[in-house]
Amino acid sequence: MAEVRVKLFANLREAAGTPELLLSGEKVIDVLLSLTEKYPGLNNIIFEKPDESDGGPVLCGSINVLVNGNNVRHLEGLDTDLKDSDEIGILPPVSGG
């Protein structure tokens, strides 16, 4: 199981009360589930409510999860494999002017 650094941004950081933490998991989904177990308030921000026929959590369409700077949507999604020293960044939508 890989130990990875998870960096939280914007309202995710505020909800968790920390900008980063270390978590373990074999895949991105494992780390995200550990994160939402530790900080239940993040669950509704990171995951959409799964549909009745769906077997697992679905990443919210407005959340970007990056592994070493690469969006998991361009990798293997939530099933992206992790290795020690990987860095996961979780970014909510941001707007400004």
Protein backbone atom coordinates (compact mmCIF):
# COMPACT_ATOMS: atom_id res chain seq x y z
CA MET A 1 0.00 0.00 0.00
CA ALA A 2 1.40 3.37 -1.00
CA GLU A 3 1.71 6.32 1.34
CA VAL A 4 0.82 9.52 -0.51
CA ARG A 5 0.66 13.21 0.30
CA VAL A 6 -2.81 14.67 -0.19
CA LYS A 7 -3.08 18.42 -0.77
CA LEU A 8 -6.44 20.12 -0.27
CA PHE A 9 -7.37 23.46 -1.78
CA ALA A 10 -9.98 26.19 -1.19
CA ASN A 11 -13.16 25.02 0.58
CA LEU A 12 -11.78 21.48 0.93
CA ARG A 13 -8.90 22.85 2.99
CA GLU A 14 -11.32 24.86 5.11
CA ALA A 15 -13.67 21.90 5.67
CA ALA A 16 -10.81 19.61 6.74
CA GLY A 17 -8.95 22.28 8.70
CA THR A 18 -5.63 21.28 7.13
CA PRO A 19 -3.89 21.99 3.81
CA GLU A 20 -2.33 18.52 3.50
CA LEU A 21 -2.02 15.11 5.10
CA LEU A 22 -0.53 11.68 4.49
CA LEU A 23 -2.84 8.79 3.64
CA SER A 24 -2.36 5.26 2.34
CA GLY A 25 -4.01 3.37 -0.48
CA GLU A 26 -3.38 1.26 -3.53
CA LYS A 27 -5.63 3.33 -5.79
CA VAL A 28 -6.97 6.88 -5.86
CA ILE A 29 -10.40 5.69 -4.70
CA ASP A 30 -8.83 4.12 -1.58
CA VAL A 31 -7.24 7.42 -0.61
CA LEU A 32 -10.39 9.43 -1.29
CA LEU A 33 -12.49 7.04 0.79
CA SER A 34 -9.95 7.27 3.65
CA LEU A 35 -10.05 11.05 3.37
CA THR A 36 -13.86 11.23 3.51
CA GLU A 37 -13.93 8.76 6.39
CA LYS A 38 -11.52 10.98 8.33
CA TYR A 39 -13.36 14.18 7.30
CA PRO A 40 -17.01 13.24 6.61
CA GLY A 41 -17.83 16.82 5.62
CA LEU A 42 -15.79 16.33 2.45
CA ASN A 43 -17.92 13.44 1.21
CA ASN A 44 -20.65 15.56 -0.40
CA ILE A 45 -18.05 17.88 -1.93
CA ILE A 46 -15.89 15.18 -3.52
CA PHE A 47 -18.49 12.56 -4.48
CA GLU A 48 -21.83 12.78 -6.23
CA LYS A 49 -24.64 10.80 -4.72
CA PRO A 50 -24.28 7.40 -6.39
CA ASP A 51 -27.20 6.26 -8.49
CA GLU A 52 -29.15 3.23 -7.26
CA SER A 53 -27.73 0.92 -9.95
CA ASP A 54 -24.15 2.11 -9.45
CA GLY A 55 -21.88 -0.01 -7.30
CA GLY A 56 -19.59 2.70 -5.99
CA PRO A 57 -18.90 6.37 -5.45
CA VAL A 58 -18.77 8.74 -8.40
CA LEU A 59 -16.39 11.69 -8.45
CA CYS A 60 -18.23 15.00 -8.52
CA GLY A 61 -18.00 16.49 -12.01
CA SER A 62 -16.67 19.81 -10.73
CA ILE A 63 -13.83 18.33 -8.63
CA ASN A 64 -10.40 17.79 -10.14
CA VAL A 65 -8.16 15.12 -8.64
CA LEU A 66 -4.55 15.25 -9.78
CA VAL A 67 -1.87 12.62 -9.25
CA ASN A 68 1.55 14.19 -9.64
CA GLY A 69 -0.06 17.00 -11.65
CA ASN A 70 -2.03 14.71 -13.99
CA ASN A 71 -5.82 14.73 -13.87
CA VAL A 72 -7.11 11.24 -13.02
CA ARG A 73 -9.80 11.71 -15.69
CA HIS A 74 -6.94 11.37 -18.21
CA LEU A 75 -5.43 8.38 -16.39
CA GLU A 76 -7.39 5.42 -15.01
CA GLY A 77 -9.89 7.56 -13.11
CA LEU A 78 -10.52 6.53 -9.52
CA ASP A 79 -8.77 3.22 -10.27
CA THR A 80 -5.44 4.95 -10.94
CA ASP A 81 -2.68 3.01 -9.15
CA LEU A 82 -0.53 4.82 -6.61
CA LYS A 83 3.06 4.39 -5.45
CA ASP A 84 4.96 5.73 -2.46
CA SER A 85 5.75 9.44 -2.68
CA ASP A 86 2.93 10.22 -5.14
CA GLU A 87 1.13 13.48 -4.51
CA ILE A 88 -2.61 13.90 -4.88
CA GLY A 89 -4.10 17.36 -5.27
CA ILE A 90 -7.85 17.82 -4.86
CA LEU A 91 -9.19 21.04 -6.34
CA PRO A 92 -12.77 22.28 -6.27
CA PRO A 93 -14.00 24.67 -8.95
CA VAL A 94 -12.58 28.14 -8.46
CA SER A 95 -13.75 31.42 -9.88
CA GLY A 96 -12.49 34.91 -9.57
CA GLY A 97 -12.45 38.19 -11.24
